[in-house]
Protein backbone atom coordinates (compact mmCIF):
# COMPACT_ATOMS: atom_id res chain seq x y z
CA MET A 1 -9.65 -17.55 -18.05
CA LYS A 2 -10.82 -19.47 -14.77
CA ILE A 3 -8.19 -17.87 -12.70
CA LYS A 4 -8.53 -14.25 -14.23
CA ILE A 5 -12.23 -14.14 -13.21
CA THR A 6 -12.04 -16.09 -9.84
CA ALA A 7 -9.11 -13.67 -8.66
CA ALA A 8 -10.76 -10.50 -10.04
CA LEU A 9 -14.18 -11.37 -8.35
CA LEU A 10 -12.02 -11.98 -5.27
CA LEU A 11 -10.54 -8.54 -5.33
CA SER A 12 -14.19 -7.04 -5.83
CA MET A 13 -15.59 -8.74 -3.25
CA LEU A 14 -13.00 -8.37 -0.46
CA PHE A 15 -11.07 -5.02 -1.41
CA THR A 16 -14.18 -2.98 -3.22
CA VAL A 17 -11.65 -2.34 -6.33
CA SER A 18 -12.81 -0.87 -9.10
CA CYS A 19 -11.50 -2.72 -12.60
CA THR A 20 -9.30 0.11 -13.50
CA ASP A 21 -7.32 0.11 -16.63
CA LEU A 22 -4.10 -1.08 -14.45
CA ASP A 23 -5.96 -3.92 -12.91
CA GLU A 24 -6.74 -5.16 -16.60
CA GLN A 25 -3.50 -4.90 -17.99
CA LEU A 26 -2.24 -6.75 -14.72
CA TYR A 27 -4.41 -9.81 -15.13
CA ASN A 28 -3.55 -10.04 -19.01
CA GLN A 29 -0.24 -10.41 -18.18
CA VAL A 30 -1.07 -12.96 -15.23
CA GLU A 31 -2.59 -15.05 -18.16
CA ASP A 32 0.04 -14.78 -20.13
CA GLY A 33 2.65 -17.83 -19.20
CA ASN A 34 5.80 -16.47 -21.33
CA PHE A 35 5.82 -13.20 -19.66
CA GLY A 36 8.50 -13.13 -16.71
CA ASN A 37 11.63 -15.33 -18.10
CA THR A 38 13.86 -12.24 -18.96
CA THR A 39 15.69 -9.86 -16.63
CA LYS A 40 13.44 -6.72 -18.43
CA GLU A 41 10.35 -8.53 -17.79
CA ILE A 42 11.08 -9.09 -14.21
CA ASP A 43 12.28 -5.95 -13.22
CA ALA A 44 9.01 -4.39 -15.30
CA LEU A 45 6.70 -7.35 -12.76
CA VAL A 46 8.73 -5.86 -9.95
CA GLY A 47 8.56 -2.66 -10.67
CA GLY A 48 5.12 -2.36 -10.82
CA ALA A 49 4.99 -3.54 -7.20
CA TYR A 50 6.51 -0.64 -6.26
CA SER A 51 4.46 1.35 -8.46
CA SER A 52 1.73 0.41 -6.53
CA LEU A 53 3.22 2.29 -3.68
CA ARG A 54 2.12 5.70 -5.21
CA GLY A 55 -1.84 4.26 -4.63
CA PHE A 56 -4.52 5.20 -7.47
CA SER A 57 -7.71 6.99 -7.78
CA ASP A 58 -11.22 5.65 -9.22
CA ALA A 59 -14.47 6.53 -8.81
CA ILE A 60 -15.15 5.44 -5.17
CA SER A 61 -12.29 7.68 -3.60
CA ASN A 62 -8.68 8.74 -3.85
CA ASN A 63 -6.17 6.27 -2.85
CA PHE A 64 -2.82 7.93 -2.91
CA PRO A 65 -0.80 8.00 0.14
CA THR A 66 0.22 11.46 0.25
CA CYS A 67 -3.48 12.64 -0.85
CA GLU A 68 -6.71 14.21 1.19
CA TYR A 69 -7.61 10.48 2.42
CA VAL A 70 -4.59 8.01 3.16
CA PHE A 71 -2.20 11.00 4.63
CA PHE A 72 -4.80 13.31 6.18
CA LEU A 73 -6.22 9.89 8.37
CA ASN A 74 -3.26 9.52 9.89
CA GLU A 75 -2.82 13.28 10.58
CA VAL A 76 -5.88 14.18 11.70
CA VAL A 77 -6.99 11.78 14.29
CA SER A 78 -3.76 12.73 16.29
CA ASP A 79 -2.85 15.49 18.21
CA GLU A 80 -0.62 17.02 15.51
CA ALA A 81 -3.20 18.21 12.35
CA THR A 82 -6.52 19.19 12.05
CA ILE A 83 -8.91 19.69 8.77
CA PRO A 84 -11.41 22.53 10.08
CA THR A 85 -14.76 23.39 8.12
CA ARG A 86 -14.39 26.92 7.01
CA GLY A 87 -17.60 28.20 5.52
CA THR A 88 -19.04 25.73 3.41
CA ASN A 89 -15.86 24.18 2.32
CA TRP A 90 -13.91 20.91 4.25
CA TYR A 91 -17.11 19.80 5.66
CA ASP A 92 -17.59 16.85 3.31
CA GLY A 93 -20.44 14.80 5.20
CA GLY A 94 -18.76 15.46 8.37
CA GLN A 95 -15.69 12.93 8.12
CA TYR A 96 -12.87 15.61 8.85
CA GLN A 97 -14.92 16.47 12.18
CA ASP A 98 -15.56 13.13 12.94
CA ALA A 99 -12.01 11.97 12.52
CA GLN A 100 -10.65 14.98 14.57
CA LYS A 101 -13.39 14.00 17.23
CA HIS A 102 -12.53 10.49 17.35
CA THR A 103 -16.14 9.65 16.49
CA TRP A 104 -15.50 8.10 13.12
CA LYS A 105 -17.88 5.61 11.92
CA SER A 106 -17.29 2.62 9.68
CA ASP A 107 -18.57 4.57 6.77
CA ASN A 108 -15.88 7.41 7.11
CA ARG A 109 -14.13 7.85 3.40
CA MET A 110 -10.51 8.32 4.77
CA ILE A 111 -10.86 4.51 6.32
CA LEU A 112 -12.10 2.86 3.41
CA SER A 113 -9.36 4.59 1.28
CA ALA A 114 -6.46 3.55 3.96
CA TRP A 115 -7.85 0.08 3.36
CA ARG A 116 -8.28 0.00 -0.30
CA TYR A 117 -4.65 1.33 -0.66
CA ASN A 118 -2.86 -1.32 1.11
CA TYR A 119 -4.82 -4.24 -0.12
CA THR A 120 -4.64 -3.09 -3.61
CA GLY A 121 -0.81 -3.25 -3.14
CA ILE A 122 -1.13 -6.28 -1.78
CA ALA A 123 -3.58 -7.90 -4.32
CA LYS A 124 -0.90 -6.45 -7.09
CA ILE A 125 2.03 -7.97 -5.41
CA ASN A 126 0.20 -11.53 -5.08
CA ALA A 127 -0.40 -11.48 -8.60
CA ILE A 128 3.30 -10.46 -9.72
CA ILE A 129 4.53 -13.79 -7.47
CA TYR A 130 1.73 -15.69 -9.13
CA GLN A 131 3.01 -14.56 -12.81
CA ILE A 132 6.94 -15.15 -12.05
CA ASN A 133 6.05 -18.48 -10.12
CA LYS A 134 4.93 -19.53 -13.47
CA SER A 135 7.87 -18.45 -15.19
CA SER A 136 10.98 -20.90 -16.47
CA LEU A 137 13.13 -19.07 -13.82
CA SER A 138 15.06 -21.53 -11.32
CA ASP A 139 14.02 -21.60 -7.92
CA LYS A 140 17.11 -20.10 -7.15
CA ALA A 141 16.59 -17.46 -9.25
CA LYS A 142 12.82 -16.69 -8.10
CA ALA A 143 14.30 -16.58 -4.50
CA PRO A 144 15.65 -13.18 -4.27
CA ILE A 145 12.73 -11.66 -6.23
CA PHE A 146 10.29 -13.76 -4.00
CA ALA A 147 11.93 -12.43 -1.12
CA GLU A 148 11.82 -8.52 -2.19
CA LEU A 149 8.05 -8.81 -3.06
CA LYS A 150 7.17 -10.15 -0.17
CA ALA A 151 8.95 -7.89 1.83
CA LEU A 152 7.26 -5.06 0.13
CA ARG A 153 4.07 -6.75 1.34
CA ALA A 154 4.95 -7.22 4.63
CA TYR A 155 5.25 -3.43 4.65
CA TYR A 156 0.98 -3.08 3.32
CA TYR A 157 0.21 -5.95 5.76
CA TYR A 158 2.18 -3.45 8.65
CA ASN A 159 0.48 -0.88 8.02
CA LEU A 160 -3.19 -2.62 8.08
CA LEU A 161 -1.88 -4.17 11.64
CA ASP A 162 -1.34 -0.56 12.80
CA LEU A 163 -4.59 0.84 11.27
CA PHE A 164 -7.14 -2.07 11.19
CA GLY A 165 -5.64 -4.77 13.70
CA ASN A 166 -7.68 -7.94 12.49
CA VAL A 167 -7.68 -8.27 8.92
CA PRO A 168 -7.52 -10.98 6.39
CA ILE A 169 -4.27 -12.32 5.13
CA VAL A 170 -4.74 -12.81 1.62
CA THR A 171 -0.90 -14.36 -0.19
CA ASN A 172 -2.76 -16.68 -2.50
CA PHE A 173 -3.70 -15.19 -6.13
CA GLU A 174 -5.54 -18.45 -6.76
CA ASP A 175 -7.36 -18.85 -3.68
CA THR A 176 -11.26 -18.29 -4.60
CA ASP A 177 -12.46 -18.45 -1.08
CA LEU A 178 -13.41 -15.14 0.66
CA PRO A 179 -11.47 -14.92 3.61
CA SER A 180 -12.20 -14.50 7.30
CA ASN A 181 -10.10 -12.25 9.99
CA SER A 182 -6.88 -12.89 10.91
CA THR A 183 -6.33 -11.69 14.91
CA ARG A 184 -3.79 -8.65 15.21
CA LYS A 185 -1.41 -11.28 16.88
CA GLN A 186 -1.60 -13.25 13.81
CA VAL A 187 -0.93 -9.97 11.54
CA TYR A 188 2.13 -9.27 13.91
CA ASP A 189 3.53 -12.73 13.33
CA PHE A 190 2.72 -13.06 9.59
CA VAL A 191 4.52 -9.58 9.17
CA GLU A 192 7.54 -10.72 11.73
CA LYS A 193 8.35 -13.53 9.46
CA GLU A 194 7.61 -12.32 5.94
CA LEU A 195 10.58 -9.84 6.58
CA THR A 196 12.91 -12.29 9.11
CA ASP A 197 12.55 -14.84 6.17
CA ALA A 198 13.28 -12.36 3.57
CA ILE A 199 16.62 -11.01 4.65
CA PRO A 200 19.01 -13.15 3.77
CA TYR A 201 18.16 -12.78 0.06
CA LEU A 202 17.70 -8.86 -0.11
CA ASN A 203 19.92 -6.80 -1.13
CA PRO A 204 22.62 -5.76 1.80
CA ASN A 205 23.38 -2.48 0.37
CA VAL A 206 22.17 0.92 0.28
CA VAL A 207 19.78 0.92 -3.00
CA TYR A 208 16.87 4.53 -3.26
CA SER A 209 13.83 3.30 -3.02
CA LYS A 210 14.24 -0.10 -3.13
CA PHE A 211 13.11 -2.84 -0.19
CA THR A 212 16.43 -3.51 0.48
CA ARG A 213 17.48 -5.16 3.89
CA ASN A 214 18.15 -2.01 5.25
CA VAL A 215 14.18 -1.37 4.97
CA ALA A 216 13.47 -4.37 6.35
CA TYR A 217 15.30 -3.86 9.84
CA ALA A 218 13.83 -0.33 9.59
CA VAL A 219 10.12 -2.18 9.47
CA LEU A 220 11.26 -4.64 12.27
CA ALA A 221 12.15 -2.24 14.41
CA ARG A 222 9.15 -0.35 14.23
CA LEU A 223 7.20 -3.70 14.80
CA TYR A 224 9.02 -4.08 17.99
CA LEU A 225 8.81 -0.59 18.72
CA ASN A 226 4.73 -0.34 19.08
CA SER A 227 4.93 -4.22 19.89
CA GLU A 228 3.26 -3.49 23.44
CA ALA A 229 0.42 -1.38 21.58
CA PHE A 230 -0.42 -3.94 18.89
CA ILE A 231 -0.18 -7.20 21.07
CA GLY A 232 0.67 -6.41 24.57
CA GLN A 233 4.02 -7.63 24.36
CA PRO A 234 6.93 -5.19 24.60
CA ARG A 235 9.90 -5.85 22.67
CA TRP A 236 12.65 -2.64 23.10
CA GLN A 237 15.50 -4.59 23.22
CA ASP A 238 14.19 -6.33 19.77
CA CYS A 239 13.83 -2.98 18.85
CA LEU A 240 17.70 -1.83 19.26
CA ASP A 241 18.96 -5.33 18.05
CA MET A 242 16.87 -4.14 14.53
CA CYS A 243 18.12 -0.26 14.35
CA GLN A 244 22.08 -1.71 15.44
CA LYS A 245 21.96 -3.13 11.92
CA ILE A 246 21.36 -0.50 9.55
CA THR A 247 24.33 0.71 8.13
CA GLY A 248 25.15 3.05 5.30
CA TYR A 249 23.11 6.16 6.37
CA SER A 250 23.78 9.43 8.19
CA LEU A 251 21.89 12.73 9.03
CA THR A 252 22.00 15.23 6.46
CA PRO A 253 23.37 18.30 8.12
CA ASP A 254 20.02 20.53 6.73
CA PHE A 255 17.32 19.17 7.62
CA PHE A 256 14.91 20.50 4.73
CA ALA A 257 17.48 18.46 2.43
CA ASN A 258 15.02 15.92 3.01
CA PHE A 259 11.93 17.31 1.41
CA VAL A 260 13.96 19.23 -1.31
CA THR A 261 12.35 18.56 -4.98
CA GLU A 262 15.61 16.60 -5.57
CA ASN A 263 15.71 15.05 -2.45
CA GLN A 264 16.69 11.54 -3.72
CA THR A 265 20.07 12.85 -2.85
CA SER A 266 19.54 12.57 0.86
CA PRO A 267 21.95 10.40 2.47
CA GLU A 268 19.31 10.32 5.40
CA ILE A 269 16.28 8.55 3.49
CA ILE A 270 15.90 4.78 4.24
CA PHE A 271 12.68 4.26 2.09
CA ALA A 272 10.44 6.70 -0.23
CA ILE A 273 8.01 6.32 -2.91
CA PRO A 274 9.87 8.31 -5.91
CA TYR A 275 7.89 10.77 -8.22
CA ASP A 276 8.60 12.50 -11.26
CA SER A 277 5.75 14.25 -13.34
CA LYS A 278 7.33 14.31 -16.23
CA ALA A 279 7.48 10.40 -16.44
CA GLY A 280 3.45 10.77 -15.69
CA THR A 281 3.28 10.43 -11.54
CA VAL A 282 0.15 11.27 -9.90
CA GLY A 283 -0.88 11.59 -6.46
CA ASN A 284 1.34 13.85 -4.79
CA TYR A 285 -0.22 17.01 -4.30
CA MET A 286 0.01 17.25 -0.65
CA ASN A 287 1.36 20.45 -0.62
CA SER A 288 -1.77 21.98 -1.97
CA MET A 289 -3.75 20.25 0.45
CA SER A 290 -2.82 22.97 3.32
CA CYS A 291 -2.34 26.26 2.33
CA HIS A 292 -4.54 29.10 1.37
CA TYR A 293 -6.13 29.47 -1.90
CA ASN A 294 -3.92 32.83 -2.27
CA GLN A 295 -0.68 31.58 -1.24
CA LYS A 296 0.59 30.87 -4.55
CA LEU A 297 1.38 34.87 -4.56
CA ALA A 298 3.52 34.38 -1.84
CA ILE A 299 5.61 31.68 -3.67
CA SER A 300 5.85 33.52 -7.29
CA ALA A 301 5.53 36.96 -8.59
CA ILE A 302 4.95 35.47 -11.92
CA PRO A 303 1.08 35.15 -12.17
CA ASN A 304 -0.21 31.46 -12.30
CA ASN A 305 3.12 30.05 -11.43
CA TYR A 306 2.20 28.03 -8.58
CA PRO A 307 -0.98 25.86 -8.05
CA TRP A 308 -3.94 26.33 -6.80
CA SER A 309 -4.01 25.39 -3.34
CA ALA A 310 -7.18 23.77 -1.22
CA ASN A 311 -7.30 25.70 2.21
CA GLY A 312 -7.74 22.14 4.13
CA MET A 313 -4.92 20.49 6.77
CA CYS A 314 -3.68 22.96 9.26
CA ALA A 315 -1.63 22.43 12.81
CA GLN A 316 -3.45 21.58 16.04
CA PRO A 317 -3.33 24.71 18.49
CA GLY A 318 -0.10 24.43 20.62
CA VAL A 319 1.72 22.44 17.79
CA TYR A 320 3.82 25.42 16.23
CA SER A 321 4.35 27.05 19.72
CA ALA A 322 5.71 23.51 21.32
CA PHE A 323 8.48 24.33 19.00
CA ALA A 324 11.37 26.90 19.92
CA ASP A 325 12.03 30.20 18.01
CA THR A 326 15.65 28.77 17.75
CA ASP A 327 14.25 25.05 16.89
CA LYS A 328 15.12 25.14 12.86
CA ARG A 329 12.45 22.97 12.07
CA LYS A 330 9.89 25.10 13.30
CA LYS A 331 10.03 26.72 9.64
CA CYS A 332 8.43 23.30 8.24
CA MET A 333 5.22 25.40 9.28
CA LEU A 334 3.86 28.74 7.84
CA GLU A 335 2.93 31.24 10.52
CA GLY A 336 1.93 34.73 10.07
CA ASP A 337 1.39 37.55 7.43
CA GLN A 338 1.82 36.05 3.99
CA ILE A 339 4.09 38.56 1.08
CA ASN A 340 2.79 39.08 -1.88
CA LEU A 341 6.00 38.93 -4.07
CA ALA A 342 4.86 41.00 -6.61
CA THR A 343 3.95 44.13 -4.50
CA GLY A 344 5.76 43.46 -1.44
CA SER A 345 2.83 43.93 0.96
CA VAL A 346 0.51 41.04 3.12
CA ILE A 347 -1.73 38.91 0.76
CA MET A 348 -5.33 40.00 0.70
CA MET A 349 -7.78 36.89 0.96
CA ASP A 350 -11.27 37.57 -1.21
CA ASN A 351 -13.16 38.92 2.04
CA GLY A 352 -10.67 42.09 2.39
CA GLU A 353 -8.78 40.66 5.21
CA PRO A 354 -5.00 40.19 5.42
CA LEU A 355 -3.83 36.26 5.32
CA THR A 356 -1.85 36.10 8.25
CA TYR A 357 -1.71 32.44 9.25
CA THR A 358 -2.69 32.61 12.97
CA GLU A 359 -1.70 28.99 15.52
CA ASN A 360 -5.74 29.51 17.39
CA LEU A 361 -8.42 28.11 15.60
CA THR A 362 -12.17 29.70 16.51
CA SER A 363 -13.82 26.04 16.42
CA LEU A 364 -13.67 22.91 14.72
CA GLU A 365 -16.99 23.65 12.89
CA ASP A 366 -16.56 27.26 11.75
CA ALA A 367 -12.74 28.14 11.37
CA LYS A 368 -12.01 31.59 9.78
CA GLU A 369 -9.96 31.17 5.95
CA ASN A 370 -6.55 31.78 7.58
CA GLU A 371 -6.74 29.99 10.90
CA GLY A 372 -4.31 27.45 11.73
CA VAL A 373 -0.81 27.33 10.79
CA ARG A 374 -0.18 25.72 7.54
CA LEU A 375 2.39 22.42 6.15
CA ALA A 376 5.36 23.70 4.95
CA LYS A 377 7.81 20.59 5.15
CA TYR A 378 8.00 20.17 1.42
CA GLU A 379 9.99 22.41 -0.92
CA MET A 380 7.19 24.84 -2.38
CA LYS A 381 8.81 26.64 -5.22
CA ALA A 382 7.85 28.92 -8.16
CA GLY A 383 7.21 26.77 -11.59
CA GLU A 384 5.89 23.83 -9.77
CA GLN A 385 3.01 21.97 -10.81
CA TRP A 386 0.13 20.23 -9.42
CA GLU A 387 1.98 16.42 -9.64
CA ARG A 388 4.87 17.39 -7.46
CA ASP A 389 8.47 15.80 -7.85
CA HIS A 390 10.02 15.48 -4.60
CA ASP A 391 10.01 11.89 -3.70
CA PHE A 392 7.56 10.71 -0.87
CA VAL A 393 9.71 9.88 2.42
CA LEU A 394 8.27 6.94 4.23
CA ILE A 395 11.48 5.97 6.52
CA ARG A 396 14.31 7.83 7.22
CA TYR A 397 18.10 8.06 9.53
CA ALA A 398 16.54 10.10 12.25
CA GLU A 399 13.90 7.68 13.00
CA ILE A 400 16.65 5.36 13.51
CA LEU A 401 18.28 7.07 15.90
CA MET A 402 14.94 8.33 17.74
CA MET A 403 13.74 4.60 17.63
CA GLN A 404 17.11 3.63 20.05
CA ALA A 405 17.16 7.05 22.34
CA GLU A 406 12.89 5.82 23.01
CA CYS A 407 13.93 1.73 23.94
CA TYR A 408 17.08 2.95 25.99
CA VAL A 409 14.53 5.15 28.43
CA ARG A 410 12.35 2.17 28.44
CA LEU A 411 14.82 -0.11 29.30
CA GLY A 412 15.90 2.01 32.00
CA SER A 413 18.82 3.45 30.97
CA PRO A 414 18.34 7.36 30.18
CA ASP A 415 22.61 7.73 29.62
CA LEU A 416 22.39 5.42 26.71
CA ALA A 417 20.01 7.38 25.06
CA ARG A 418 21.04 11.00 25.11
CA PRO A 419 23.86 10.27 22.08
CA PHE A 420 21.34 9.25 19.71
CA VAL A 421 18.72 12.17 20.58
CA GLN A 422 21.59 14.55 20.82
CA GLN A 423 22.11 13.96 17.18
CA VAL A 424 18.90 14.68 16.14
CA ALA A 425 18.38 17.81 18.77
CA SER A 426 21.81 18.90 17.62
CA ARG A 427 20.65 19.49 13.99
CA ALA A 428 17.98 21.38 14.90
CA GLY A 429 19.64 23.90 16.81
CA GLU A 430 18.50 22.67 20.29
CA GLU A 431 19.79 21.59 23.46
CA LEU A 432 19.39 18.91 25.73
CA PRO A 433 17.69 18.94 28.94
CA ALA A 434 19.49 17.54 32.02
CA THR A 435 17.09 14.34 31.80
CA ILE A 436 16.10 12.20 29.03
CA ASP A 437 12.52 11.05 29.81
CA LEU A 438 9.61 9.86 27.77
CA ALA A 439 8.05 12.94 27.99
CA PHE A 440 11.13 14.73 25.84
CA ILE A 441 10.97 11.95 23.71
CA ASP A 442 7.31 12.43 22.93
CA GLN A 443 7.85 16.14 21.87
CA GLU A 444 11.14 15.26 19.90
CA LEU A 445 9.01 12.75 18.01
CA LEU A 446 6.79 15.72 17.35
CA LYS A 447 8.99 18.41 16.36
CA GLU A 448 11.26 15.90 14.09
CA PHE A 449 8.31 14.23 12.13
CA THR A 450 5.61 17.30 11.64
CA PHE A 451 3.41 16.24 8.81
CA GLU A 452 5.25 12.79 8.14
CA GLY A 453 2.41 10.99 8.78
CA ARG A 454 2.93 9.15 11.80
CA ARG A 455 2.13 10.81 14.90
CA ARG A 456 -1.01 8.78 15.43
CA THR A 457 0.78 5.96 16.24
CA ASP A 458 3.44 7.60 18.62
CA ASN A 459 0.01 8.82 20.40
CA ILE A 460 -0.97 5.78 20.73
CA ARG A 461 2.22 4.04 22.04
CA PHE A 462 2.84 6.89 24.75
CA GLY A 463 -1.18 6.57 25.77
CA THR A 464 -1.99 9.90 24.50
CA PHE A 465 -4.12 9.08 22.26
CA PHE A 466 -7.16 8.43 24.89
CA GLN A 467 -6.60 11.22 26.50
CA PRO A 468 -8.33 14.85 25.55
CA TRP A 469 -7.00 17.64 23.23
CA TRP A 470 -8.11 20.57 20.91
CA SER A 471 -11.59 19.91 19.82
CA LYS A 472 -11.70 16.16 20.98
CA GLY A 473 -12.76 14.74 24.40
CA THR A 474 -11.60 11.02 26.20
CA THR A 475 -11.01 8.62 23.38
CA GLU A 476 -12.23 4.53 24.33
CA LYS A 477 -9.63 2.25 23.99
CA TYR A 478 -11.37 0.30 21.08
CA ARG A 479 -10.44 3.23 19.33
CA ALA A 480 -6.77 2.31 18.56
CA ILE A 481 -7.78 0.51 15.55
CA PHE A 482 -10.09 1.83 12.76
CA PRO A 483 -13.35 -0.39 12.09
CA ILE A 484 -13.38 -2.52 9.20
CA PRO A 485 -14.80 -0.32 6.03
CA SER A 486 -18.88 -0.97 5.76
CA THR A 487 -18.71 -2.10 2.49
CA VAL A 488 -16.07 -4.37 2.88
CA LEU A 489 -18.41 -6.00 5.23
CA THR A 490 -21.11 -5.86 2.74
CA THR A 491 -19.35 -7.51 0.15
CA ASN A 492 -17.37 -10.29 2.27
CA LYS A 493 -19.87 -11.68 4.86
CA ASN A 494 -16.68 -13.71 6.53
CA LEU A 495 -15.42 -10.70 8.10
CA LYS A 496 -16.12 -9.54 11.09
CA GLN A 497 -16.42 -5.77 12.50
CA ASN A 498 -13.06 -5.46 15.22
CA PRO A 499 -14.30 -5.02 18.78
CA GLY A 500 -16.42 -2.16 19.89
CA TYR A 501 -17.66 -0.83 16.47
CA PRO A 502 -21.55 -1.73 15.29
CA ASN A 503 -21.59 -4.04 12.63
């Protein structure tokens, strides 16, 4: 009982996690020393670790990876997306405007949600490791299970390294001391070691939605690709080495096959979060966060056969026009007249004006309802429910190709980059320029991974994050990482705020 109370108290003080039913069930399992001794029980525990990837919601905030907080945070602070205030909608205390202007403070709810999403996943994995460690399994039997769990935990810590930098490393479920910050270098080294130690025990085969050896190589490649931004030490060759270890994947000929409802069949997806509304998964409603309220009329001619949309996130001016009209990927955004399938006419908004999406935005503070091109990367189809069934893609093979191309350019061998980026561009129907340089790589990353929640990291690595863009001036260097949320600092006095931010 003591372990149950102190562990729960630690979670509350460090992560500001409320006590949900899921947490209570987990602690009950931890108390039961007889659970975790059979294959079925182990599978249930490990499955719980993966289910944490889908996030959670409580009275404090939504903490889903595809939601208006966690996903939007990376998007809106980048040069890719924005959430303008439209009349009285989407102001929400100015949190989205602050994100766009790079004037965020430590009380921004999106920042808190990103922190809680990752640390709640970590806390759950720590509890599962503790439970399995108590079981009667042999050390040999435990080794591959621990490797998989620790590798998944390292994925969460990679996110925290990227977002917050100097975060506490907590791995012991029984540790009741309030932790202090680790340096960004210490977190970096921890992620690297956890993954490299796990790799020999991880499954070497392609297994959908599981943390296999390939997934570990991919996360390490990301770590090394961003090493200079993270710790000031470039590791381009190490990134190449990791990419070249990844096997068993290929580009799907149809780019959009990665984002259809049944996208689990794509040979390109290396790691994804599975969703199935019939199985009760929740939180995958991103497709309804972008389009206009009446977009449903353009998707189904049958009334109420597509969910309501919230008219929120859209592309920043200049993103849509960055695509050539011949680029197949341009269809990942909606622009122009939206047609009512029941009437064949342009949909009318409630103010009597046509629903015609424009790339231009009047202003961040007072945009019109139809301004901004909209997210349309994941399939939208008649009959869908609020909770979508497509899996949310975290890593796909196109990224592995683009990482290799970028590394070769940075190492001074652009000719070696060409075969890798050629595969990606050819699928899009585009020709390569005579010279492959970093400016081209940057633009190709924008077009290939639009609205996939990774643009902020690319902006920082290429240095554009600190330069002015639409509705944003020059950004201070310290904003390359976010502040530790104010509520976390209040509950744990051992933590110090990240440099540049007020306590």
